Full PDB file with SEQRES, HELIX, SHEET, SSBOND, CRYST1, ORIGX, SCALE, CONECT and MASTER records, all heavy atoms in Angstrom:
SEQRES   1 A   42  ILE ALA VAL MET ASP TRP TYR ARG GLN ALA PRO GLY LYS          
SEQRES   2 A   42  GLN ARG GLU LEU VAL ALA THR ILE THR SER GLY GLY THR          
SEQRES   3 A   42  THR ASN CYS ALA ASP SER VAL LYS GLY ARG PHE THR ILE          
SEQRES   4 A   42  SER ARG ASP                                                  
SHEET    1 AA1 3 VAL A   3  ARG A   8  0                                        
SHEET    2 AA1 3 GLU A  16  THR A  22 -1                                        
SHEET    3 AA1 3 THR A  27  CYS A  29 -1                                        
CRYST1    1.000    1.000    1.000  90.00  90.00  90.00 P 1           1          
ORIGX1      1.000000  0.000000  0.000000        0.00000                         
ORIGX2      0.000000  1.000000  0.000000        0.00000                         
ORIGX3      0.000000  0.000000  1.000000        0.00000                         
SCALE1      1.000000  0.000000  0.000000        0.00000                         
SCALE2      0.000000  1.000000  0.000000        0.00000                         
SCALE3      0.000000  0.000000  1.000000        0.00000                         
ATOM      1  N   ILE A   1     109.946 273.104 -41.609  1.00  0.00           N  
ATOM      2  CA  ILE A   1     109.554 273.690 -42.891  1.00  0.00           C  
ATOM      3  C   ILE A   1     110.685 273.455 -43.883  1.00  0.00           C  
ATOM      4  O   ILE A   1     111.771 274.025 -43.757  1.00  0.00           O  
ATOM      5  CB  ILE A   1     109.252 275.188 -42.750  1.00  0.00           C  
ATOM      6  CG1 ILE A   1     108.122 275.409 -41.746  1.00  0.00           C  
ATOM      7  CG2 ILE A   1     108.882 275.774 -44.110  1.00  0.00           C  
ATOM      8  CD1 ILE A   1     107.864 276.859 -41.436  1.00  0.00           C  
ATOM      9  N   ALA A   2     110.418 272.620 -44.866  1.00  0.00           N  
ATOM     10  CA  ALA A   2     111.443 272.243 -45.829  1.00  0.00           C  
ATOM     11  C   ALA A   2     111.586 273.261 -46.951  1.00  0.00           C  
ATOM     12  O   ALA A   2     112.693 273.530 -47.415  1.00  0.00           O  
ATOM     13  CB  ALA A   2     111.138 270.869 -46.413  1.00  0.00           C  
ATOM     14  N   VAL A   3     110.465 273.814 -47.395  1.00  0.00           N  
ATOM     15  CA  VAL A   3     110.445 274.702 -48.549  1.00  0.00           C  
ATOM     16  C   VAL A   3     109.459 275.830 -48.302  1.00  0.00           C  
ATOM     17  O   VAL A   3     108.372 275.610 -47.762  1.00  0.00           O  
ATOM     18  CB  VAL A   3     110.055 273.952 -49.841  1.00  0.00           C  
ATOM     19  CG1 VAL A   3     110.006 274.913 -51.027  1.00  0.00           C  
ATOM     20  CG2 VAL A   3     111.024 272.820 -50.123  1.00  0.00           C  
ATOM     21  N   MET A   4     109.839 277.017 -48.706  1.00  0.00           N  
ATOM     22  CA  MET A   4     108.940 278.159 -48.742  1.00  0.00           C  
ATOM     23  C   MET A   4     108.933 278.700 -50.161  1.00  0.00           C  
ATOM     24  O   MET A   4     109.985 278.845 -50.774  1.00  0.00           O  
ATOM     25  CB  MET A   4     109.382 279.259 -47.774  1.00  0.00           C  
ATOM     26  CG  MET A   4     109.393 278.850 -46.314  1.00  0.00           C  
ATOM     27  SD  MET A   4     110.011 280.206 -45.264  1.00  0.00           S  
ATOM     28  CE  MET A   4     109.787 279.493 -43.629  1.00  0.00           C  
ATOM     29  N   ASP A   5     107.748 278.999 -50.663  1.00  0.00           N  
ATOM     30  CA  ASP A   5     107.596 279.442 -52.046  1.00  0.00           C  
ATOM     31  C   ASP A   5     106.678 280.651 -52.127  1.00  0.00           C  
ATOM     32  O   ASP A   5     105.871 280.910 -51.239  1.00  0.00           O  
ATOM     33  CB  ASP A   5     106.956 278.354 -52.928  1.00  0.00           C  
ATOM     34  CG  ASP A   5     107.663 277.034 -52.884  1.00  0.00           C  
ATOM     35  OD1 ASP A   5     108.789 276.948 -53.421  1.00  0.00           O  
ATOM     36  OD2 ASP A   5     107.073 276.083 -52.337  1.00  0.00           O  
ATOM     37  N   TRP A   6     106.795 281.343 -53.256  1.00  0.00           N  
ATOM     38  CA  TRP A   6     105.828 282.339 -53.661  1.00  0.00           C  
ATOM     39  C   TRP A   6     105.293 281.977 -55.039  1.00  0.00           C  
ATOM     40  O   TRP A   6     106.068 281.681 -55.953  1.00  0.00           O  
ATOM     41  CB  TRP A   6     106.433 283.745 -53.714  1.00  0.00           C  
ATOM     42  CG  TRP A   6     106.680 284.345 -52.372  1.00  0.00           C  
ATOM     43  CD1 TRP A   6     107.847 284.353 -51.681  1.00  0.00           C  
ATOM     44  CD2 TRP A   6     105.718 285.032 -51.560  1.00  0.00           C  
ATOM     45  NE1 TRP A   6     107.694 285.010 -50.486  1.00  0.00           N  
ATOM     46  CE2 TRP A   6     106.391 285.435 -50.385  1.00  0.00           C  
ATOM     47  CE3 TRP A   6     104.371 285.355 -51.706  1.00  0.00           C  
ATOM     48  CZ2 TRP A   6     105.758 286.140 -49.357  1.00  0.00           C  
ATOM     49  CZ3 TRP A   6     103.739 286.054 -50.682  1.00  0.00           C  
ATOM     50  CH2 TRP A   6     104.434 286.435 -49.530  1.00  0.00           C  
ATOM     51  N   TYR A   7     103.983 281.993 -55.163  1.00  0.00           N  
ATOM     52  CA  TYR A   7     103.293 281.813 -56.430  1.00  0.00           C  
ATOM     53  C   TYR A   7     102.519 283.082 -56.753  1.00  0.00           C  
ATOM     54  O   TYR A   7     102.257 283.913 -55.885  1.00  0.00           O  
ATOM     55  CB  TYR A   7     102.309 280.648 -56.371  1.00  0.00           C  
ATOM     56  CG  TYR A   7     102.931 279.268 -56.309  1.00  0.00           C  
ATOM     57  CD1 TYR A   7     103.486 278.780 -55.126  1.00  0.00           C  
ATOM     58  CD2 TYR A   7     102.944 278.441 -57.423  1.00  0.00           C  
ATOM     59  CE1 TYR A   7     104.042 277.515 -55.064  1.00  0.00           C  
ATOM     60  CE2 TYR A   7     103.494 277.170 -57.369  1.00  0.00           C  
ATOM     61  CZ  TYR A   7     104.038 276.717 -56.183  1.00  0.00           C  
ATOM     62  OH  TYR A   7     104.580 275.454 -56.136  1.00  0.00           O  
ATOM     63  N   ARG A   8     102.116 283.213 -58.013  1.00  0.00           N  
ATOM     64  CA  ARG A   8     101.233 284.298 -58.388  1.00  0.00           C  
ATOM     65  C   ARG A   8     100.267 283.830 -59.463  1.00  0.00           C  
ATOM     66  O   ARG A   8     100.556 282.898 -60.209  1.00  0.00           O  
ATOM     67  CB  ARG A   8     102.008 285.526 -58.863  1.00  0.00           C  
ATOM     68  CG  ARG A   8     102.748 285.345 -60.180  1.00  0.00           C  
ATOM     69  CD  ARG A   8     103.580 286.585 -60.478  1.00  0.00           C  
ATOM     70  NE  ARG A   8     104.273 286.484 -61.757  1.00  0.00           N  
ATOM     71  CZ  ARG A   8     105.161 287.364 -62.192  1.00  0.00           C  
ATOM     72  NH1 ARG A   8     105.468 288.431 -61.450  1.00  0.00           N  
ATOM     73  NH2 ARG A   8     105.751 287.188 -63.375  1.00  0.00           N  
ATOM     74  N   GLN A   9      99.134 284.495 -59.533  1.00  0.00           N  
ATOM     75  CA  GLN A   9      98.126 284.167 -60.520  1.00  0.00           C  
ATOM     76  C   GLN A   9      97.442 285.443 -60.983  1.00  0.00           C  
ATOM     77  O   GLN A   9      96.840 286.159 -60.182  1.00  0.00           O  
ATOM     78  CB  GLN A   9      97.093 283.190 -59.960  1.00  0.00           C  
ATOM     79  CG  GLN A   9      96.128 282.668 -61.005  1.00  0.00           C  
ATOM     80  CD  GLN A   9      95.322 281.486 -60.511  1.00  0.00           C  
ATOM     81  OE1 GLN A   9      95.133 281.305 -59.309  1.00  0.00           O  
ATOM     82  NE2 GLN A   9      94.859 280.666 -61.435  1.00  0.00           N  
ATOM     83  N   ALA A  10      97.556 285.707 -62.272  1.00  0.00           N  
ATOM     84  CA  ALA A  10      96.874 286.832 -62.890  1.00  0.00           C  
ATOM     85  C   ALA A  10      95.524 286.363 -63.425  1.00  0.00           C  
ATOM     86  O   ALA A  10      95.340 285.171 -63.704  1.00  0.00           O  
ATOM     87  CB  ALA A  10      97.719 287.414 -64.014  1.00  0.00           C  
ATOM     88  N   PRO A  11      94.569 287.263 -63.595  1.00  0.00           N  
ATOM     89  CA  PRO A  11      93.246 286.875 -64.092  1.00  0.00           C  
ATOM     90  C   PRO A  11      93.329 286.146 -65.427  1.00  0.00           C  
ATOM     91  O   PRO A  11      93.996 286.603 -66.354  1.00  0.00           O  
ATOM     92  CB  PRO A  11      92.515 288.207 -64.235  1.00  0.00           C  
ATOM     93  CG  PRO A  11      93.167 289.099 -63.235  1.00  0.00           C  
ATOM     94  CD  PRO A  11      94.613 288.705 -63.257  1.00  0.00           C  
ATOM     95  N   GLY A  12      92.670 284.994 -65.506  1.00  0.00           N  
ATOM     96  CA  GLY A  12      92.644 284.217 -66.728  1.00  0.00           C  
ATOM     97  C   GLY A  12      93.913 283.454 -67.034  1.00  0.00           C  
ATOM     98  O   GLY A  12      94.010 282.851 -68.104  1.00  0.00           O  
ATOM     99  N   LYS A  13      94.871 283.466 -66.117  1.00  0.00           N  
ATOM    100  CA  LYS A  13      96.134 282.793 -66.354  1.00  0.00           C  
ATOM    101  C   LYS A  13      96.384 281.709 -65.307  1.00  0.00           C  
ATOM    102  O   LYS A  13      95.801 281.714 -64.229  1.00  0.00           O  
ATOM    103  CB  LYS A  13      97.290 283.796 -66.341  1.00  0.00           C  
ATOM    104  CG  LYS A  13      97.236 284.833 -67.450  1.00  0.00           C  
ATOM    105  CD  LYS A  13      98.448 285.738 -67.421  1.00  0.00           C  
ATOM    106  CE  LYS A  13      98.402 286.750 -68.547  1.00  0.00           C  
ATOM    107  NZ  LYS A  13      99.587 287.652 -68.518  1.00  0.00           N  
ATOM    108  N   GLN A  14      97.263 280.793 -65.650  1.00  0.00           N  
ATOM    109  CA  GLN A  14      97.625 279.706 -64.756  1.00  0.00           C  
ATOM    110  C   GLN A  14      98.490 280.217 -63.605  1.00  0.00           C  
ATOM    111  O   GLN A  14      99.286 281.139 -63.774  1.00  0.00           O  
ATOM    112  CB  GLN A  14      98.365 278.628 -65.550  1.00  0.00           C  
ATOM    113  CG  GLN A  14      98.648 277.352 -64.790  1.00  0.00           C  
ATOM    114  CD  GLN A  14      99.269 276.293 -65.679  1.00  0.00           C  
ATOM    115  OE1 GLN A  14      99.256 276.400 -66.902  1.00  0.00           O  
ATOM    116  NE2 GLN A  14      99.822 275.252 -65.071  1.00  0.00           N  
ATOM    117  N   ARG A  15      98.323 279.601 -62.448  1.00  0.00           N  
ATOM    118  CA  ARG A  15      99.171 279.954 -61.320  1.00  0.00           C  
ATOM    119  C   ARG A  15     100.621 279.601 -61.628  1.00  0.00           C  
ATOM    120  O   ARG A  15     100.919 278.520 -62.138  1.00  0.00           O  
ATOM    121  CB  ARG A  15      98.700 279.241 -60.052  1.00  0.00           C  
ATOM    122  CG  ARG A  15      99.460 279.654 -58.803  1.00  0.00           C  
ATOM    123  CD  ARG A  15      98.836 279.095 -57.539  1.00  0.00           C  
ATOM    124  NE  ARG A  15      97.514 279.660 -57.290  1.00  0.00           N  
ATOM    125  CZ  ARG A  15      96.803 279.444 -56.183  1.00  0.00           C  
ATOM    126  NH1 ARG A  15      97.300 278.684 -55.216  1.00  0.00           N  
ATOM    127  NH2 ARG A  15      95.598 279.984 -56.052  1.00  0.00           N  
ATOM    128  N   GLU A  16     101.516 280.513 -61.297  1.00  0.00           N  
ATOM    129  CA  GLU A  16     102.917 280.428 -61.670  1.00  0.00           C  
ATOM    130  C   GLU A  16     103.802 280.440 -60.435  1.00  0.00           C  
ATOM    131  O   GLU A  16     103.616 281.255 -59.533  1.00  0.00           O  
ATOM    132  CB  GLU A  16     103.270 281.615 -62.578  1.00  0.00           C  
ATOM    133  CG  GLU A  16     104.738 281.773 -62.911  1.00  0.00           C  
ATOM    134  CD  GLU A  16     105.050 283.098 -63.577  1.00  0.00           C  
ATOM    135  OE1 GLU A  16     104.221 284.028 -63.478  1.00  0.00           O  
ATOM    136  OE2 GLU A  16     106.120 283.204 -64.210  1.00  0.00           O  
ATOM    137  N   LEU A  17     104.780 279.553 -60.410  1.00  0.00           N  
ATOM    138  CA  LEU A  17     105.789 279.580 -59.354  1.00  0.00           C  
ATOM    139  C   LEU A  17     106.750 280.730 -59.615  1.00  0.00           C  
ATOM    140  O   LEU A  17     107.373 280.802 -60.677  1.00  0.00           O  
ATOM    141  CB  LEU A  17     106.546 278.255 -59.302  1.00  0.00           C  
ATOM    142  CG  LEU A  17     107.685 278.161 -58.284  1.00  0.00           C  
ATOM    143  CD1 LEU A  17     107.159 278.318 -56.859  1.00  0.00           C  
ATOM    144  CD2 LEU A  17     108.428 276.841 -58.431  1.00  0.00           C  
ATOM    145  N   VAL A  18     106.881 281.615 -58.638  1.00  0.00           N  
ATOM    146  CA  VAL A  18     107.711 282.806 -58.777  1.00  0.00           C  
ATOM    147  C   VAL A  18     109.101 282.586 -58.206  1.00  0.00           C  
ATOM    148  O   VAL A  18     110.109 282.908 -58.842  1.00  0.00           O  
ATOM    149  CB  VAL A  18     107.043 284.020 -58.110  1.00  0.00           C  
ATOM    150  CG1 VAL A  18     107.947 285.247 -58.188  1.00  0.00           C  
ATOM    151  CG2 VAL A  18     105.690 284.302 -58.748  1.00  0.00           C  
ATOM    152  N   ALA A  19     109.170 282.060 -56.993  1.00  0.00           N  
ATOM    153  CA  ALA A  19     110.451 281.888 -56.321  1.00  0.00           C  
ATOM    154  C   ALA A  19     110.311 280.856 -55.223  1.00  0.00           C  
ATOM    155  O   ALA A  19     109.234 280.678 -54.654  1.00  0.00           O  
ATOM    156  CB  ALA A  19     110.962 283.210 -55.740  1.00  0.00           C  
ATOM    157  N   THR A  20     111.412 280.189 -54.916  1.00  0.00           N  
ATOM    158  CA  THR A  20     111.402 279.172 -53.875  1.00  0.00           C  
ATOM    159  C   THR A  20     112.703 279.239 -53.083  1.00  0.00           C  
ATOM    160  O   THR A  20     113.750 279.636 -53.612  1.00  0.00           O  
ATOM    161  CB  THR A  20     111.200 277.768 -54.477  1.00  0.00           C  
ATOM    162  OG1 THR A  20     111.110 276.793 -53.432  1.00  0.00           O  
ATOM    163  CG2 THR A  20     112.356 277.393 -55.397  1.00  0.00           C  
ATOM    164  N   ILE A  21     112.635 278.843 -51.823  1.00  0.00           N  
ATOM    165  CA  ILE A  21     113.818 278.750 -50.977  1.00  0.00           C  
ATOM    166  C   ILE A  21     113.690 277.496 -50.124  1.00  0.00           C  
ATOM    167  O   ILE A  21     112.638 277.224 -49.551  1.00  0.00           O  
ATOM    168  CB  ILE A  21     114.012 280.022 -50.119  1.00  0.00           C  
ATOM    169  CG1 ILE A  21     115.313 279.947 -49.317  1.00  0.00           C  
ATOM    170  CG2 ILE A  21     112.815 280.279 -49.217  1.00  0.00           C  
ATOM    171  CD1 ILE A  21     115.719 281.281 -48.711  1.00  0.00           C  
ATOM    172  N   THR A  22     114.766 276.720 -50.049  1.00  0.00           N  
ATOM    173  CA  THR A  22     114.764 275.479 -49.293  1.00  0.00           C  
ATOM    174  C   THR A  22     115.267 275.712 -47.880  1.00  0.00           C  
ATOM    175  O   THR A  22     115.769 276.782 -47.535  1.00  0.00           O  
ATOM    176  CB  THR A  22     115.638 274.421 -49.966  1.00  0.00           C  
ATOM    177  OG1 THR A  22     117.022 274.794 -49.837  1.00  0.00           O  
ATOM    178  CG2 THR A  22     115.296 274.274 -51.442  1.00  0.00           C  
ATOM    179  N   SER A  23     115.149 274.671 -47.054  1.00  0.00           N  
ATOM    180  CA  SER A  23     115.641 274.750 -45.684  1.00  0.00           C  
ATOM    181  C   SER A  23     117.143 274.981 -45.631  1.00  0.00           C  
ATOM    182  O   SER A  23     117.646 275.551 -44.667  1.00  0.00           O  
ATOM    183  CB  SER A  23     115.283 273.474 -44.919  1.00  0.00           C  
ATOM    184  OG  SER A  23     115.868 272.332 -45.525  1.00  0.00           O  
ATOM    185  N   GLY A  24     117.856 274.542 -46.665  1.00  0.00           N  
ATOM    186  CA  GLY A  24     119.286 274.755 -46.738  1.00  0.00           C  
ATOM    187  C   GLY A  24     119.694 276.099 -47.292  1.00  0.00           C  
ATOM    188  O   GLY A  24     120.893 276.396 -47.369  1.00  0.00           O  
ATOM    189  N   GLY A  25     118.721 276.915 -47.691  1.00  0.00           N  
ATOM    190  CA  GLY A  25     119.009 278.251 -48.174  1.00  0.00           C  
ATOM    191  C   GLY A  25     119.146 278.372 -49.675  1.00  0.00           C  
ATOM    192  O   GLY A  25     119.426 279.465 -50.180  1.00  0.00           O  
ATOM    193  N   THR A  26     118.958 277.285 -50.402  1.00  0.00           N  
ATOM    194  CA  THR A  26     119.028 277.339 -51.850  1.00  0.00           C  
ATOM    195  C   THR A  26     117.813 278.063 -52.411  1.00  0.00           C  
ATOM    196  O   THR A  26     116.678 277.767 -52.035  1.00  0.00           O  
ATOM    197  CB  THR A  26     119.108 275.934 -52.441  1.00  0.00           C  
ATOM    198  OG1 THR A  26     120.266 275.266 -51.927  1.00  0.00           O  
ATOM    199  CG2 THR A  26     119.202 275.987 -53.958  1.00  0.00           C  
ATOM    200  N   THR A  27     118.045 278.997 -53.308  1.00  0.00           N  
ATOM    201  CA  THR A  27     116.964 279.774 -53.900  1.00  0.00           C  
ATOM    202  C   THR A  27     116.889 279.553 -55.398  1.00  0.00           C  
ATOM    203  O   THR A  27     117.868 279.210 -56.052  1.00  0.00           O  
ATOM    204  CB  THR A  27     117.127 281.275 -53.617  1.00  0.00           C  
ATOM    205  OG1 THR A  27     118.350 281.737 -54.204  1.00  0.00           O  
ATOM    206  CG2 THR A  27     117.160 281.543 -52.124  1.00  0.00           C  
ATOM    207  N   ASN A  28     115.705 279.778 -55.923  1.00  0.00           N  
ATOM    208  CA  ASN A  28     115.482 279.736 -57.354  1.00  0.00           C  
ATOM    209  C   ASN A  28     114.305 280.641 -57.656  1.00  0.00           C  
ATOM    210  O   ASN A  28     113.447 280.861 -56.807  1.00  0.00           O  
ATOM    211  CB  ASN A  28     115.208 278.315 -57.830  1.00  0.00           C  
ATOM    212  CG  ASN A  28     115.390 278.158 -59.324  1.00  0.00           C  
ATOM    213  OD1 ASN A  28     115.951 279.019 -59.998  1.00  0.00           O  
ATOM    214  ND2 ASN A  28     114.915 277.036 -59.854  1.00  0.00           N  
ATOM    215  N   CYS A  29     114.269 281.156 -58.862  1.00  0.00           N  
ATOM    216  CA  CYS A  29     113.161 282.022 -59.245  1.00  0.00           C  
ATOM    217  C   CYS A  29     112.882 281.876 -60.729  1.00  0.00           C  
ATOM    218  O   CYS A  29     113.720 281.394 -61.489  1.00  0.00           O  
ATOM    219  CB  CYS A  29     113.437 283.482 -58.879  1.00  0.00           C  
ATOM    220  SG  CYS A  29     114.890 284.199 -59.652  1.00  0.00           S  
ATOM    221  N   ALA A  30     111.700 282.306 -61.115  1.00  0.00           N  
ATOM    222  CA  ALA A  30     111.301 282.226 -62.507  1.00  0.00           C  
ATOM    223  C   ALA A  30     112.137 283.166 -63.363  1.00  0.00           C  
ATOM    224  O   ALA A  30     112.582 284.224 -62.902  1.00  0.00           O  
ATOM    225  CB  ALA A  30     109.822 282.568 -62.645  1.00  0.00           C  
ATOM    226  N   ASP A  31     112.335 282.779 -64.607  1.00  0.00           N  
ATOM    227  CA  ASP A  31     113.123 283.610 -65.514  1.00  0.00           C  
ATOM    228  C   ASP A  31     112.546 285.018 -65.653  1.00  0.00           C  
ATOM    229  O   ASP A  31     113.297 285.984 -65.812  1.00  0.00           O  
ATOM    230  CB  ASP A  31     113.199 282.962 -66.894  1.00  0.00           C  
ATOM    231  CG  ASP A  31     114.071 281.721 -66.912  1.00  0.00           C  
ATOM    232  OD1 ASP A  31     114.892 281.551 -65.994  1.00  0.00           O  
ATOM    233  OD2 ASP A  31     113.929 280.918 -67.852  1.00  0.00           O  
ATOM    234  N   SER A  32     111.240 285.130 -65.571  1.00  0.00           N  
ATOM    235  CA  SER A  32     110.590 286.414 -65.760  1.00  0.00           C  
ATOM    236  C   SER A  32     110.901 287.420 -64.655  1.00  0.00           C  
ATOM    237  O   SER A  32     110.690 288.620 -64.846  1.00  0.00           O  
ATOM    238  CB  SER A  32     109.074 286.230 -65.873  1.00  0.00           C  
ATOM    239  OG  SER A  32     108.547 285.632 -64.705  1.00  0.00           O  
ATOM    240  N   VAL A  33     111.387 286.942 -63.505  1.00  0.00           N  
ATOM    241  CA  VAL A  33     111.659 287.841 -62.385  1.00  0.00           C  
ATOM    242  C   VAL A  33     113.113 287.831 -61.951  1.00  0.00           C  
ATOM    243  O   VAL A  33     113.477 288.569 -61.027  1.00  0.00           O  
ATOM    244  CB  VAL A  33     110.758 287.528 -61.169  1.00  0.00           C  
ATOM    245  CG1 VAL A  33     109.291 287.572 -61.568  1.00  0.00           C  
ATOM    246  CG2 VAL A  33     111.116 286.185 -60.554  1.00  0.00           C  
ATOM    247  N   LYS A  34     113.950 287.031 -62.588  1.00  0.00           N  
ATOM    248  CA  LYS A  34     115.359 286.977 -62.221  1.00  0.00           C  
ATOM    249  C   LYS A  34     116.011 288.343 -62.365  1.00  0.00           C  
ATOM    250  O   LYS A  34     115.797 289.056 -63.336  1.00  0.00           O  
ATOM    251  CB  LYS A  34     116.098 285.960 -63.082  1.00  0.00           C  
ATOM    252  CG  LYS A  34     115.864 284.524 -62.669  1.00  0.00           C  
ATOM    253  CD  LYS A  34     116.683 283.554 -63.498  1.00  0.00           C  
ATOM    254  CE  LYS A  34     116.473 282.126 -63.021  1.00  0.00           C  
ATOM    255  NZ  LYS A  34     117.222 281.149 -63.839  1.00  0.00           N  
ATOM    256  N   GLY A  35     116.802 288.683 -61.358  1.00  0.00           N  
ATOM    257  CA  GLY A  35     117.458 289.975 -61.333  1.00  0.00           C  
ATOM    258  C   GLY A  35     116.619 291.078 -60.739  1.00  0.00           C  
ATOM    259  O   GLY A  35     117.129 292.179 -60.501  1.00  0.00           O  
ATOM    260  N   ARG A  36     115.335 290.808 -60.505  1.00  0.00           N  
ATOM    261  CA  ARG A  36     114.439 291.810 -59.944  1.00  0.00           C  
ATOM    262  C   ARG A  36     113.855 291.405 -58.593  1.00  0.00           C  
ATOM    263  O   ARG A  36     113.673 292.254 -57.726  1.00  0.00           O  
ATOM    264  CB  ARG A  36     113.292 292.102 -60.913  1.00  0.00           C  
ATOM    265  CG  ARG A  36     113.757 292.624 -62.268  1.00  0.00           C  
ATOM    266  CD  ARG A  36     112.579 293.073 -63.129  1.00  0.00           C  
ATOM    267  NE  ARG A  36     111.667 291.968 -63.433  1.00  0.00           N  
ATOM    268  CZ  ARG A  36     110.390 291.924 -63.065  1.00  0.00           C  
ATOM    269  NH1 ARG A  36     109.856 292.932 -62.388  1.00  0.00           N  
ATOM    270  NH2 ARG A  36     109.632 290.881 -63.392  1.00  0.00           N  
ATOM    271  N   PHE A  37     113.550 290.119 -58.421  1.00  0.00           N  
ATOM    272  CA  PHE A  37     112.929 289.632 -57.190  1.00  0.00           C  
ATOM    273  C   PHE A  37     113.935 288.824 -56.386  1.00  0.00           C  
ATOM    274  O   PHE A  37     114.779 288.118 -56.947  1.00  0.00           O  
ATOM    275  CB  PHE A  37     111.733 288.723 -57.493  1.00  0.00           C  
ATOM    276  CG  PHE A  37     110.521 289.415 -58.065  1.00  0.00           C  
ATOM    277  CD1 PHE A  37     110.568 290.721 -58.516  1.00  0.00           C  
ATOM    278  CD2 PHE A  37     109.325 288.724 -58.150  1.00  0.00           C  
ATOM    279  CE1 PHE A  37     109.447 291.338 -59.046  1.00  0.00           C  
ATOM    280  CE2 PHE A  37     108.194 289.328 -58.674  1.00  0.00           C  
ATOM    281  CZ  PHE A  37     108.258 290.633 -59.125  1.00  0.00           C  
ATOM    282  N   THR A  38     113.823 288.893 -55.066  1.00  0.00           N  
ATOM    283  CA  THR A  38     114.664 288.127 -54.166  1.00  0.00           C  
ATOM    284  C   THR A  38     113.811 287.501 -53.078  1.00  0.00           C  
ATOM    285  O   THR A  38     113.023 288.199 -52.432  1.00  0.00           O  
ATOM    286  CB  THR A  38     115.745 289.006 -53.515  1.00  0.00           C  
ATOM    287  OG1 THR A  38     116.542 289.629 -54.524  1.00  0.00           O  
ATOM    288  CG2 THR A  38     116.650 288.163 -52.625  1.00  0.00           C  
ATOM    289  N   ILE A  39     113.967 286.199 -52.879  1.00  0.00           N  
ATOM    290  CA  ILE A  39     113.261 285.513 -51.814  1.00  0.00           C  
ATOM    291  C   ILE A  39     114.220 285.296 -50.647  1.00  0.00           C  
ATOM    292  O   ILE A  39     115.408 285.013 -50.839  1.00  0.00           O  
ATOM    293  CB  ILE A  39     112.665 284.176 -52.301  1.00  0.00           C  
ATOM    294  CG1 ILE A  39     111.768 283.550 -51.233  1.00  0.00           C  
ATOM    295  CG2 ILE A  39     113.753 283.214 -52.755  1.00  0.00           C  
ATOM    296  CD1 ILE A  39     110.964 282.358 -51.738  1.00  0.00           C  
ATOM    297  N   SER A  40     113.718 285.434 -49.440  1.00  0.00           N  
ATOM    298  CA  SER A  40     114.506 285.196 -48.242  1.00  0.00           C  
ATOM    299  C   SER A  40     113.598 284.651 -47.156  1.00  0.00           C  
ATOM    300  O   SER A  40     112.372 284.659 -47.295  1.00  0.00           O  
ATOM    301  CB  SER A  40     115.218 286.472 -47.772  1.00  0.00           C  
ATOM    302  OG  SER A  40     114.284 287.489 -47.455  1.00  0.00           O  
ATOM    303  N   ARG A  41     114.193 284.180 -46.077  1.00  0.00           N  
ATOM    304  CA  ARG A  41     113.399 283.582 -45.011  1.00  0.00           C  
ATOM    305  C   ARG A  41     114.011 283.860 -43.651  1.00  0.00           C  
ATOM    306  O   ARG A  41     115.193 284.190 -43.531  1.00  0.00           O  
ATOM    307  CB  ARG A  41     113.281 282.063 -45.216  1.00  0.00           C  
ATOM    308  CG  ARG A  41     114.600 281.323 -45.008  1.00  0.00           C  
ATOM    309  CD  ARG A  41     114.459 279.845 -45.200  1.00  0.00           C  
ATOM    310  NE  ARG A  41     115.691 279.150 -44.856  1.00  0.00           N  
ATOM    311  CZ  ARG A  41     115.873 277.853 -44.950  1.00  0.00           C  
ATOM    312  NH1 ARG A  41     114.895 277.082 -45.403  1.00  0.00           N  
ATOM    313  NH2 ARG A  41     117.037 277.315 -44.614  1.00  0.00           N  
ATOM    314  N   ASP A  42     113.188 283.713 -42.625  1.00  0.00           N  
ATOM    315  CA  ASP A  42     113.607 283.780 -41.241  1.00  0.00           C  
ATOM    316  C   ASP A  42     112.978 282.576 -40.563  1.00  0.00           C  
ATOM    317  O   ASP A  42     111.791 282.597 -40.222  1.00  0.00           O  
ATOM    318  CB  ASP A  42     113.161 285.081 -40.582  1.00  0.00           C  
ATOM    319  CG  ASP A  42     113.682 285.240 -39.171  1.00  0.00           C  
ATOM    320  OD1 ASP A  42     114.006 284.226 -38.522  1.00  0.00           O  
ATOM    321  OD2 ASP A  42     113.762 286.388 -38.693  1.00  0.00           O  
TER     322      ASP A  42                                                      
MASTER        0    0    0    0    3    0    0    6  321    1    0    4          
END                                                                             
């Protein structure tokens, strides 16, 4: 598994990438959730 992501979609809106984590542990998240959401993996 190279990448794990979370997306979200609200009614009438485009699906949005929320956060991603790579196999190497690098994380990124959307500006709208930075400082509030954290992605992790096992």
